[in-house]
Amino acid sequence: VNKKNKLQEFIANPKASLWKLTIPMMLGLFVNSIYILVDTFFIGSKIGTSAISALGYVMPFYFIVMGITFGLSSGNTAVIAQHIGEGDEVKTKSVAQNSLVMATVISIINITLVLFFGKQLLMLQGIDSEILELAMEYFYIMAYGSIFLIFGIFIRSILLGEGESMIPMAALGTGTILNIILDPFFIDAWGIGGAAYA
């Protein structure tokens, strides 16, 4: 019944319905930028410029992984919404399941690359040996932590495809607030790794 109501709502006002799907995706990209800005601010103020430099070498790889994740998850949102509109529950469930498979594959590839080729990826960018270990500390923790982030993005895409925008937005807001609160305490306790934990 709920899905039928959402379909009727989309037919009645497609422009408003599309905005309801688009805004949370845009918000997701914005919040991702906020995380990085918060990390950069607290790392710079509490550890110093060398830590910011280390962060700068890790971020390009992180942006690539997140770009792939957001791109694929956005496609899932559109396909799920289409199948719901067609009333095809079998295909809807299939796409949702495939979303989680994609999240698993991206997470495994990400961790494998960082664990076995992390230093080489940083050295290709010309990182100084003095900050290599500092960058790797952040890199390792981010690789494992990104599992939750990647799955969260794909789960959010499933919810958005079903027309549920409030839960993903609330989760994003809560995560951002927690990151801002925890960052300074975690950095004091664990250094640059603390920012990745937060």
N, C-alpha and C. Protein backbone atom coordinates (compact mmCIF):
# COMPACT_ATOMS: atom_id res chain seq x y z
N VAL A 1 0.83 -1.20 0.00
CA VAL A 1 0.00 0.00 0.00
C VAL A 1 0.86 1.25 0.00
N ASN A 2 1.91 1.22 0.82
CA ASN A 2 2.80 2.37 0.93
C ASN A 2 3.48 2.65 -0.41
N LYS A 3 3.90 1.58 -1.11
CA LYS A 3 4.56 1.76 -2.41
C LYS A 3 3.59 2.31 -3.44
N LYS A 4 2.32 1.86 -3.38
CA LYS A 4 1.31 2.37 -4.31
C LYS A 4 1.07 3.86 -4.07
N ASN A 5 1.04 4.25 -2.80
CA ASN A 5 0.85 5.67 -2.47
C ASN A 5 2.00 6.50 -3.01
N LYS A 6 3.23 5.97 -2.89
CA LYS A 6 4.40 6.70 -3.39
C LYS A 6 4.35 6.82 -4.91
N LEU A 7 3.86 5.77 -5.58
CA LEU A 7 3.73 5.81 -7.04
C LEU A 7 2.70 6.85 -7.45
N GLN A 8 1.56 6.88 -6.75
CA GLN A 8 0.52 7.87 -7.03
C GLN A 8 1.05 9.28 -6.79
N GLU A 9 1.85 9.43 -5.74
CA GLU A 9 2.44 10.74 -5.43
C GLU A 9 3.37 11.17 -6.55
N PHE A 10 4.16 10.22 -7.08
CA PHE A 10 5.10 10.53 -8.16
C PHE A 10 4.35 10.95 -9.43
N ILE A 11 3.27 10.22 -9.75
CA ILE A 11 2.48 10.53 -10.95
C ILE A 11 1.82 11.90 -10.82
N ALA A 12 1.32 12.20 -9.61
CA ALA A 12 0.63 13.47 -9.38
C ALA A 12 1.58 14.66 -9.46
N ASN A 13 2.80 14.49 -8.93
CA ASN A 13 3.75 15.60 -8.90
C ASN A 13 5.17 15.08 -9.12
N PRO A 14 5.53 14.72 -10.36
CA PRO A 14 6.83 14.12 -10.62
C PRO A 14 8.01 15.02 -10.28
N LYS A 15 7.86 16.33 -10.50
CA LYS A 15 8.97 17.26 -10.23
C LYS A 15 9.33 17.26 -8.75
N ALA A 16 8.32 17.36 -7.89
CA ALA A 16 8.56 17.36 -6.44
C ALA A 16 9.14 16.02 -5.99
N SER A 17 8.66 14.93 -6.58
CA SER A 17 9.16 13.60 -6.21
C SER A 17 10.62 13.41 -6.61
N LEU A 18 10.99 13.94 -7.78
CA LEU A 18 12.38 13.85 -8.23
C LEU A 18 13.30 14.65 -7.32
N TRP A 19 12.82 15.81 -6.87
CA TRP A 19 13.61 16.62 -5.94
C TRP A 19 13.81 15.89 -4.62
N LYS A 20 12.78 15.16 -4.20
CA LYS A 20 12.88 14.40 -2.95
C LYS A 20 13.95 13.31 -3.05
N LEU A 21 14.18 12.80 -4.25
CA LEU A 21 15.23 11.81 -4.46
C LEU A 21 16.60 12.46 -4.65
N THR A 22 16.61 13.61 -5.34
CA THR A 22 17.87 14.25 -5.70
C THR A 22 18.53 14.95 -4.52
N ILE A 23 17.75 15.67 -3.72
CA ILE A 23 18.31 16.44 -2.61
C ILE A 23 19.11 15.58 -1.64
N PRO A 24 18.61 14.42 -1.20
CA PRO A 24 19.42 13.59 -0.30
C PRO A 24 20.74 13.14 -0.91
N MET A 25 20.77 12.88 -2.24
CA MET A 25 22.01 12.50 -2.90
C MET A 25 23.01 13.66 -2.88
N MET A 26 22.51 14.87 -3.17
CA MET A 26 23.36 16.06 -3.13
C MET A 26 23.85 16.30 -1.71
N LEU A 27 22.96 16.08 -0.76
CA LEU A 27 23.32 16.25 0.65
C LEU A 27 24.41 15.26 1.05
N GLY A 28 24.33 14.04 0.51
CA GLY A 28 25.34 13.03 0.81
C GLY A 28 26.73 13.47 0.37
N LEU A 29 26.83 14.04 -0.82
CA LEU A 29 28.11 14.54 -1.32
C LEU A 29 28.61 15.71 -0.48
N PHE A 30 27.67 16.57 -0.08
CA PHE A 30 28.03 17.73 0.74
C PHE A 30 28.55 17.28 2.10
N VAL A 31 27.86 16.33 2.72
CA VAL A 31 28.26 15.83 4.04
C VAL A 31 29.63 15.15 3.95
N ASN A 32 29.88 14.45 2.86
CA ASN A 32 31.19 13.82 2.66
C ASN A 32 32.30 14.86 2.67
N SER A 33 32.03 16.01 2.07
CA SER A 33 33.00 17.12 2.07
C SER A 33 33.17 17.69 3.46
N ILE A 34 32.07 17.76 4.22
CA ILE A 34 32.13 18.27 5.60
C ILE A 34 33.03 17.39 6.45
N TYR A 35 32.90 16.07 6.31
CA TYR A 35 33.76 15.13 7.05
C TYR A 35 35.23 15.46 6.83
N ILE A 36 35.59 15.65 5.57
CA ILE A 36 36.99 15.91 5.22
C ILE A 36 37.46 17.25 5.77
N LEU A 37 36.61 18.27 5.66
CA LEU A 37 36.96 19.59 6.19
C LEU A 37 37.16 19.55 7.70
N VAL A 38 36.28 18.84 8.40
CA VAL A 38 36.38 18.72 9.86
C VAL A 38 37.67 18.00 10.23
N ASP A 39 37.96 16.89 9.54
CA ASP A 39 39.21 16.15 9.80
C ASP A 39 40.42 17.05 9.57
N THR A 40 40.42 17.77 8.45
CA THR A 40 41.55 18.64 8.11
C THR A 40 41.74 19.73 9.16
N PHE A 41 40.64 20.33 9.62
CA PHE A 41 40.73 21.41 10.61
C PHE A 41 41.34 20.91 11.91
N PHE A 42 40.80 19.83 12.45
CA PHE A 42 41.27 19.34 13.75
C PHE A 42 42.67 18.72 13.66
N ILE A 43 42.96 18.04 12.56
CA ILE A 43 44.30 17.47 12.39
C ILE A 43 45.34 18.58 12.31
N GLY A 44 45.01 19.65 11.56
CA GLY A 44 45.93 20.77 11.43
C GLY A 44 46.15 21.50 12.74
N SER A 45 45.07 21.71 13.49
CA SER A 45 45.18 22.48 14.74
C SER A 45 45.80 21.68 15.88
N LYS A 46 45.64 20.36 15.86
CA LYS A 46 46.11 19.55 16.98
C LYS A 46 47.41 18.79 16.71
N ILE A 47 47.69 18.49 15.44
CA ILE A 47 48.91 17.73 15.13
C ILE A 47 49.92 18.58 14.37
N GLY A 48 49.46 19.27 13.32
CA GLY A 48 50.38 20.13 12.59
C GLY A 48 50.31 19.94 11.09
N THR A 49 51.14 20.70 10.39
CA THR A 49 51.10 20.73 8.92
C THR A 49 51.53 19.40 8.29
N SER A 50 52.44 18.68 8.96
CA SER A 50 52.89 17.40 8.40
C SER A 50 51.73 16.41 8.30
N ALA A 51 50.84 16.45 9.29
CA ALA A 51 49.68 15.56 9.29
C ALA A 51 48.70 15.95 8.18
N ILE A 52 48.56 17.27 7.94
CA ILE A 52 47.68 17.72 6.85
C ILE A 52 48.25 17.27 5.51
N SER A 53 49.57 17.34 5.38
CA SER A 53 50.22 16.87 4.14
C SER A 53 49.96 15.38 3.93
N ALA A 54 50.07 14.62 5.02
CA ALA A 54 49.82 13.17 4.94
C ALA A 54 48.39 12.90 4.50
N LEU A 55 47.46 13.68 5.04
CA LEU A 55 46.04 13.55 4.69
C LEU A 55 45.83 13.84 3.21
N GLY A 56 46.55 14.83 2.70
CA GLY A 56 46.42 15.23 1.30
C GLY A 56 46.79 14.13 0.32
N TYR A 57 47.70 13.25 0.72
CA TYR A 57 48.10 12.15 -0.16
C TYR A 57 47.10 10.99 -0.14
N VAL A 58 46.36 10.87 0.95
CA VAL A 58 45.38 9.79 1.08
C VAL A 58 44.07 10.14 0.36
N MET A 59 43.71 11.42 0.40
CA MET A 59 42.40 11.86 -0.08
C MET A 59 42.09 11.54 -1.55
N PRO A 60 43.06 11.66 -2.48
CA PRO A 60 42.72 11.35 -3.88
C PRO A 60 42.17 9.93 -4.05
N PHE A 61 42.80 8.96 -3.37
CA PHE A 61 42.32 7.58 -3.45
C PHE A 61 40.93 7.47 -2.83
N TYR A 62 40.74 8.13 -1.70
CA TYR A 62 39.45 8.12 -1.01
C TYR A 62 38.36 8.71 -1.90
N PHE A 63 38.67 9.82 -2.59
CA PHE A 63 37.69 10.46 -3.49
C PHE A 63 37.30 9.53 -4.64
N ILE A 64 38.26 8.78 -5.16
CA ILE A 64 37.97 7.84 -6.25
C ILE A 64 37.00 6.76 -5.77
N VAL A 65 37.29 6.18 -4.60
CA VAL A 65 36.43 5.12 -4.05
C VAL A 65 35.03 5.66 -3.78
N MET A 66 34.95 6.85 -3.19
CA MET A 66 33.64 7.43 -2.88
C MET A 66 32.89 7.83 -4.15
N GLY A 67 33.64 8.30 -5.16
CA GLY A 67 33.01 8.66 -6.43
C GLY A 67 32.37 7.46 -7.10
N ILE A 68 33.10 6.33 -7.10
CA ILE A 68 32.55 5.09 -7.67
C ILE A 68 31.33 4.64 -6.88
N THR A 69 31.44 4.71 -5.55
CA THR A 69 30.34 4.28 -4.68
C THR A 69 29.10 5.13 -4.89
N PHE A 70 29.26 6.44 -4.87
CA PHE A 70 28.11 7.33 -5.07
C PHE A 70 27.51 7.16 -6.46
N GLY A 71 28.38 6.98 -7.48
CA GLY A 71 27.88 6.82 -8.84
C GLY A 71 27.03 5.57 -9.01
N LEU A 72 27.55 4.44 -8.52
CA LEU A 72 26.80 3.18 -8.63
C LEU A 72 25.54 3.20 -7.79
N SER A 73 25.63 3.77 -6.59
CA SER A 73 24.46 3.79 -5.70
C SER A 73 23.36 4.69 -6.27
N SER A 74 23.74 5.78 -6.93
CA SER A 74 22.74 6.66 -7.54
C SER A 74 22.01 5.94 -8.67
N GLY A 75 22.76 5.13 -9.43
CA GLY A 75 22.13 4.32 -10.47
C GLY A 75 21.15 3.32 -9.89
N ASN A 76 21.51 2.74 -8.75
CA ASN A 76 20.62 1.79 -8.07
C ASN A 76 19.32 2.46 -7.65
N THR A 77 19.44 3.68 -7.15
CA THR A 77 18.25 4.42 -6.71
C THR A 77 17.26 4.58 -7.86
N ALA A 78 17.78 4.97 -9.02
CA ALA A 78 16.92 5.18 -10.19
C ALA A 78 16.26 3.88 -10.65
N VAL A 79 17.05 2.79 -10.67
CA VAL A 79 16.52 1.50 -11.13
C VAL A 79 15.47 0.96 -10.16
N ILE A 80 15.74 1.08 -8.86
CA ILE A 80 14.77 0.61 -7.85
C ILE A 80 13.47 1.40 -7.97
N ALA A 81 13.59 2.72 -8.11
CA ALA A 81 12.39 3.56 -8.26
C ALA A 81 11.60 3.17 -9.50
N GLN A 82 12.32 2.84 -10.58
CA GLN A 82 11.65 2.43 -11.82
C GLN A 82 10.88 1.12 -11.63
N HIS A 83 11.51 0.15 -10.99
CA HIS A 83 10.85 -1.15 -10.78
C HIS A 83 9.67 -1.05 -9.82
N ILE A 84 9.80 -0.18 -8.82
CA ILE A 84 8.68 0.04 -7.91
C ILE A 84 7.52 0.66 -8.68
N GLY A 85 7.86 1.61 -9.56
CA GLY A 85 6.83 2.24 -10.39
C GLY A 85 6.12 1.25 -11.29
N GLU A 86 6.87 0.23 -11.73
CA GLU A 86 6.28 -0.81 -12.58
C GLU A 86 5.54 -1.86 -11.76
N GLY A 87 5.70 -1.79 -10.44
CA GLY A 87 5.06 -2.77 -9.56
C GLY A 87 5.73 -4.13 -9.57
N ASP A 88 7.01 -4.16 -9.97
CA ASP A 88 7.75 -5.42 -10.07
C ASP A 88 8.59 -5.62 -8.80
N GLU A 89 8.04 -6.32 -7.82
CA GLU A 89 8.72 -6.53 -6.55
C GLU A 89 9.93 -7.46 -6.69
N VAL A 90 9.85 -8.42 -7.60
CA VAL A 90 10.95 -9.37 -7.79
C VAL A 90 12.21 -8.64 -8.26
N LYS A 91 12.06 -7.79 -9.27
CA LYS A 91 13.21 -7.02 -9.78
C LYS A 91 13.69 -6.01 -8.75
N THR A 92 12.76 -5.43 -7.99
CA THR A 92 13.14 -4.47 -6.94
C THR A 92 14.04 -5.14 -5.91
N LYS A 93 13.63 -6.32 -5.44
CA LYS A 93 14.43 -7.06 -4.46
C LYS A 93 15.77 -7.49 -5.05
N SER A 94 15.77 -7.86 -6.32
CA SER A 94 17.00 -8.29 -6.98
C SER A 94 18.02 -7.15 -7.05
N VAL A 95 17.56 -5.95 -7.41
CA VAL A 95 18.46 -4.79 -7.48
C VAL A 95 18.97 -4.43 -6.09
N ALA A 96 18.10 -4.51 -5.08
CA ALA A 96 18.51 -4.22 -3.70
C ALA A 96 19.59 -5.20 -3.25
N GLN A 97 19.42 -6.47 -3.57
CA GLN A 97 20.42 -7.49 -3.21
C GLN A 97 21.73 -7.26 -3.96
N ASN A 98 21.62 -6.91 -5.24
CA ASN A 98 22.82 -6.62 -6.03
C ASN A 98 23.56 -5.40 -5.49
N SER A 99 22.82 -4.46 -4.92
CA SER A 99 23.44 -3.28 -4.32
C SER A 99 24.38 -3.68 -3.19
N LEU A 100 23.93 -4.61 -2.37
CA LEU A 100 24.76 -5.08 -1.25
C LEU A 100 25.95 -5.89 -1.74
N VAL A 101 25.76 -6.62 -2.85
CA VAL A 101 26.88 -7.35 -3.45
C VAL A 101 27.93 -6.36 -3.95
N MET A 102 27.49 -5.28 -4.61
CA MET A 102 28.40 -4.25 -5.09
C MET A 102 29.16 -3.61 -3.94
N ALA A 103 28.45 -3.34 -2.84
CA ALA A 103 29.09 -2.75 -1.67
C ALA A 103 30.18 -3.68 -1.13
N THR A 104 29.90 -4.97 -1.13
CA THR A 104 30.87 -5.96 -0.66
C THR A 104 32.10 -5.99 -1.56
N VAL A 105 31.87 -6.00 -2.87
CA VAL A 105 32.98 -6.06 -3.84
C VAL A 105 33.86 -4.82 -3.73
N ILE A 106 33.24 -3.64 -3.68
CA ILE A 106 34.01 -2.39 -3.57
C ILE A 106 34.82 -2.38 -2.28
N SER A 107 34.23 -2.83 -1.18
CA SER A 107 34.92 -2.85 0.11
C SER A 107 36.13 -3.78 0.08
N ILE A 108 35.95 -4.97 -0.51
CA ILE A 108 37.05 -5.94 -0.59
C ILE A 108 38.19 -5.41 -1.45
N ILE A 109 37.85 -4.84 -2.61
CA ILE A 109 38.88 -4.28 -3.50
C ILE A 109 39.61 -3.14 -2.81
N ASN A 110 38.86 -2.28 -2.14
CA ASN A 110 39.44 -1.14 -1.44
C ASN A 110 40.44 -1.59 -0.38
N ILE A 111 40.02 -2.51 0.49
CA ILE A 111 40.89 -2.98 1.56
C ILE A 111 42.12 -3.70 0.99
N THR A 112 41.92 -4.52 -0.03
CA THR A 112 43.03 -5.26 -0.64
C THR A 112 44.07 -4.31 -1.22
N LEU A 113 43.62 -3.29 -1.93
CA LEU A 113 44.55 -2.32 -2.52
C LEU A 113 45.34 -1.58 -1.45
N VAL A 114 44.65 -1.16 -0.39
CA VAL A 114 45.33 -0.40 0.67
C VAL A 114 46.31 -1.29 1.44
N LEU A 115 45.90 -2.51 1.78
CA LEU A 115 46.76 -3.40 2.56
C LEU A 115 48.01 -3.82 1.80
N PHE A 116 47.85 -4.14 0.52
CA PHE A 116 48.97 -4.68 -0.24
C PHE A 116 49.70 -3.66 -1.11
N PHE A 117 49.02 -2.59 -1.47
CA PHE A 117 49.64 -1.61 -2.37
C PHE A 117 49.52 -0.18 -1.85
N GLY A 118 49.13 -0.02 -0.58
CA GLY A 118 48.92 1.31 -0.02
C GLY A 118 50.15 2.21 -0.12
N LYS A 119 51.29 1.69 0.30
CA LYS A 119 52.52 2.49 0.26
C LYS A 119 52.89 2.86 -1.17
N GLN A 120 52.74 1.90 -2.08
CA GLN A 120 53.06 2.17 -3.49
C GLN A 120 52.15 3.25 -4.07
N LEU A 121 50.87 3.21 -3.70
CA LEU A 121 49.92 4.23 -4.18
C LEU A 121 50.32 5.62 -3.71
N LEU A 122 50.79 5.70 -2.46
CA LEU A 122 51.22 7.00 -1.92
C LEU A 122 52.55 7.43 -2.54
N MET A 123 53.46 6.49 -2.73
CA MET A 123 54.77 6.82 -3.29
C MET A 123 54.66 7.25 -4.75
N LEU A 124 53.66 6.73 -5.46
CA LEU A 124 53.43 7.16 -6.84
C LEU A 124 53.11 8.65 -6.91
N GLN A 125 52.55 9.18 -5.82
CA GLN A 125 52.21 10.60 -5.76
C GLN A 125 53.40 11.44 -5.30
N GLY A 126 54.51 10.78 -4.98
CA GLY A 126 55.71 11.51 -4.56
C GLY A 126 55.71 11.92 -3.11
N ILE A 127 55.11 11.12 -2.24
CA ILE A 127 55.05 11.45 -0.82
C ILE A 127 56.44 11.42 -0.19
N ASP A 128 56.70 12.34 0.73
CA ASP A 128 57.97 12.37 1.45
C ASP A 128 58.04 11.21 2.43
N SER A 129 59.22 10.63 2.58
CA SER A 129 59.39 9.48 3.48
C SER A 129 59.07 9.84 4.93
N GLU A 130 59.24 11.14 5.29
CA GLU A 130 59.00 11.58 6.66
C GLU A 130 57.54 11.45 7.06
N ILE A 131 56.64 11.58 6.10
CA ILE A 131 55.21 11.54 6.44
C ILE A 131 54.52 10.28 5.91
N LEU A 132 55.31 9.36 5.33
CA LEU A 132 54.72 8.15 4.75
C LEU A 132 54.00 7.31 5.80
N GLU A 133 54.66 7.07 6.94
CA GLU A 133 54.04 6.24 7.99
C GLU A 133 52.81 6.92 8.57
N LEU A 134 52.87 8.25 8.68
CA LEU A 134 51.73 9.01 9.19
C LEU A 134 50.53 8.85 8.25
N ALA A 135 50.80 8.94 6.96
CA ALA A 135 49.73 8.78 5.97
C ALA A 135 49.18 7.36 5.97
N MET A 136 50.07 6.37 6.12
CA MET A 136 49.63 4.97 6.12
C MET A 136 48.75 4.66 7.32
N GLU A 137 49.05 5.27 8.46
CA GLU A 137 48.22 5.06 9.65
C GLU A 137 46.77 5.48 9.37
N TYR A 138 46.62 6.65 8.77
CA TYR A 138 45.28 7.14 8.42
C TYR A 138 44.66 6.28 7.32
N PHE A 139 45.48 5.90 6.35
CA PHE A 139 45.04 5.12 5.19
C PHE A 139 44.45 3.77 5.61
N TYR A 140 45.16 3.06 6.49
CA TYR A 140 44.71 1.74 6.95
C TYR A 140 43.37 1.82 7.66
N ILE A 141 43.26 2.76 8.58
CA ILE A 141 42.03 2.88 9.37
C ILE A 141 40.86 3.30 8.47
N MET A 142 41.12 4.23 7.55
CA MET A 142 40.07 4.66 6.63
C MET A 142 39.59 3.51 5.74
N ALA A 143 40.52 2.64 5.35
CA ALA A 143 40.15 1.50 4.49
C ALA A 143 39.14 0.60 5.19
N TYR A 144 39.42 0.29 6.47
CA TYR A 144 38.49 -0.56 7.22
C TYR A 144 37.20 0.19 7.55
N GLY A 145 37.34 1.45 7.93
CA GLY A 145 36.16 2.25 8.27
C GLY A 145 35.25 2.50 7.09
N SER A 146 35.84 2.53 5.89
CA SER A 146 35.04 2.81 4.69
C SER A 146 34.04 1.69 4.39
N ILE A 147 34.25 0.51 4.98
CA ILE A 147 33.29 -0.59 4.80
C ILE A 147 31.90 -0.12 5.24
N PHE A 148 31.85 0.48 6.44
CA PHE A 148 30.57 0.95 6.98
C PHE A 148 30.01 2.09 6.13
N LEU A 149 30.92 2.96 5.65
CA LEU A 149 30.49 4.09 4.83
C LEU A 149 29.93 3.62 3.49
N ILE A 150 30.63 2.69 2.85
CA ILE A 150 30.19 2.17 1.55
C ILE A 150 28.84 1.47 1.67
N PHE A 151 28.71 0.60 2.67
CA PHE A 151 27.43 -0.09 2.86
C PHE A 151 26.32 0.91 3.21
N GLY A 152 26.67 1.92 4.01
CA GLY A 152 25.68 2.94 4.37
C GLY A 152 25.16 3.68 3.15
N ILE A 153 26.06 4.00 2.22
CA ILE A 153 25.67 4.72 1.00
C ILE A 153 24.75 3.85 0.14
N PHE A 154 25.08 2.58 0.00
CA PHE A 154 24.23 1.69 -0.81
C PHE A 154 22.88 1.43 -0.15
N ILE A 155 22.87 1.26 1.17
CA ILE A 155 21.59 1.07 1.87
C ILE A 155 20.74 2.33 1.74
N ARG A 156 21.39 3.48 1.82
CA ARG A 156 20.66 4.74 1.64
C ARG A 156 20.07 4.83 0.23
N SER A 157 20.81 4.33 -0.75
CA SER A 157 20.31 4.38 -2.14
C SER A 157 19.06 3.50 -2.30
N ILE A 158 19.03 2.38 -1.58
CA ILE A 158 17.85 1.50 -1.62
C ILE A 158 16.64 2.21 -1.02
N LEU A 159 16.86 2.85 0.13
CA LEU A 159 15.77 3.57 0.79
C LEU A 159 15.27 4.73 -0.07
N LEU A 160 16.21 5.44 -0.70
CA LEU A 160 15.82 6.56 -1.56
C LEU A 160 15.02 6.07 -2.76
N GLY A 161 15.42 4.92 -3.31
CA GLY A 161 14.69 4.35 -4.44
C GLY A 161 13.27 3.98 -4.07
N GLU A 162 13.07 3.63 -2.80
CA GLU A 162 11.73 3.30 -2.31
C GLU A 162 10.94 4.54 -1.92
N GLY A 163 11.59 5.72 -2.08
CA GLY A 163 10.91 6.97 -1.77
C GLY A 163 11.05 7.41 -0.33
N GLU A 164 11.91 6.73 0.43
CA GLU A 164 12.13 7.08 1.83
C GLU A 164 13.35 7.98 1.93
N SER A 165 13.12 9.27 2.11
CA SER A 165 14.24 10.22 2.14
C SER A 165 14.58 10.70 3.55
N MET A 166 13.66 10.63 4.48
CA MET A 166 13.89 11.19 5.81
C MET A 166 14.91 10.39 6.63
N ILE A 167 14.82 9.06 6.57
CA ILE A 167 15.76 8.23 7.34
C ILE A 167 17.20 8.45 6.88
N PRO A 168 17.49 8.42 5.56
CA PRO A 168 18.86 8.70 5.13
C PRO A 168 19.36 10.08 5.53
N MET A 169 18.49 11.09 5.43
CA MET A 169 18.90 12.44 5.80
C MET A 169 19.19 12.53 7.30
N ALA A 170 18.36 11.88 8.11
CA ALA A 170 18.57 11.88 9.56
C ALA A 170 19.87 11.18 9.92
N ALA A 171 20.15 10.07 9.23
CA ALA A 171 21.39 9.32 9.48
C ALA A 171 22.62 10.15 9.11
N LEU A 172 22.53 10.87 7.99
CA LEU A 172 23.63 11.74 7.57
C LEU A 172 23.89 12.84 8.58
N GLY A 173 22.81 13.47 9.03
CA GLY A 173 22.93 14.55 10.00
C GLY A 173 23.53 14.07 11.31
N THR A 174 23.08 12.91 11.78
CA THR A 174 23.60 12.35 13.02
C THR A 174 25.09 12.02 12.90
N GLY A 175 25.46 11.42 11.76
CA GLY A 175 26.86 11.06 11.54
C GLY A 175 27.77 12.28 11.51
N THR A 176 27.30 13.35 10.88
CA THR A 176 28.09 14.59 10.81
C THR A 176 28.31 15.19 12.18
N ILE A 177 27.25 15.26 12.97
CA ILE A 177 27.35 15.82 14.32
C ILE A 177 28.30 15.00 15.18
N LEU A 178 28.18 13.67 15.10
CA LEU A 178 29.07 12.79 15.88
C LEU A 178 30.52 12.98 15.47
N ASN A 179 30.76 13.12 14.16
CA ASN A 179 32.12 13.32 13.67
C ASN A 179 32.73 14.61 14.23
N ILE A 180 31.94 15.68 14.23
CA ILE A 180 32.42 16.97 14.74
C ILE A 180 32.71 16.88 16.23
N ILE A 181 31.86 16.18 16.97
CA ILE A 181 32.04 16.06 18.42
C ILE A 181 33.22 15.16 18.77
N LEU A 182 33.33 14.02 18.09
CA LEU A 182 34.33 13.02 18.45
C LEU A 182 35.73 13.33 17.94
N ASP A 183 35.83 14.03 16.81
CA ASP A 183 37.13 14.28 16.18
C ASP A 183 38.20 14.80 17.15
N PRO A 184 37.95 15.91 17.86
CA PRO A 184 39.01 16.44 18.72
C PRO A 184 39.43 15.48 19.83
N PHE A 185 38.48 14.75 20.41
CA PHE A 185 38.80 13.81 21.48
C PHE A 185 39.59 12.61 20.95
N PHE A 186 39.18 12.10 19.80
CA PHE A 186 39.86 10.94 19.22
C PHE A 186 41.26 11.30 18.75
N ILE A 187 41.43 12.51 18.20
CA ILE A 187 42.76 12.94 17.75
C ILE A 187 43.69 13.11 18.95
N ASP A 188 43.17 13.64 20.05
CA ASP A 188 43.98 13.77 21.27
C ASP A 188 44.44 12.40 21.76
N ALA A 189 43.57 11.40 21.62
CA ALA A 189 43.87 10.06 22.13
C ALA A 189 44.74 9.24 21.19
N TRP A 190 44.48 9.31 19.87
CA TRP A 190 45.16 8.41 18.92
C TRP A 190 45.84 9.13 17.76
N GLY A 191 45.97 10.44 17.84
CA GLY A 191 46.65 11.16 16.77
C GLY A 191 45.86 11.17 15.48
N ILE A 192 46.57 11.12 14.35
CA ILE A 192 45.90 11.19 13.05
C ILE A 192 44.95 10.00 12.85
N GLY A 193 45.27 8.87 13.46
CA GLY A 193 44.39 7.71 13.37
C GLY A 193 43.04 7.96 14.02
N GLY A 194 43.03 8.82 15.04
CA GLY A 194 41.79 9.15 15.73
C GLY A 194 40.79 9.83 14.82
N ALA A 195 41.29 10.66 13.90
CA ALA A 195 40.39 11.33 12.95
C ALA A 195 39.73 10.31 12.04
N ALA A 196 40.48 9.29 11.65
CA ALA A 196 39.91 8.23 10.80
C ALA A 196 38.89 7.40 11.58
N TYR A 197 39.17 7.14 12.86
CA TYR A 197 38.22 6.40 13.69
C TYR A 197 36.90 7.15 13.82
N ALA A 198 36.99 8.48 14.00
CA ALA A 198 35.78 9.30 14.17
C ALA A 198 34.95 9.32 12.91
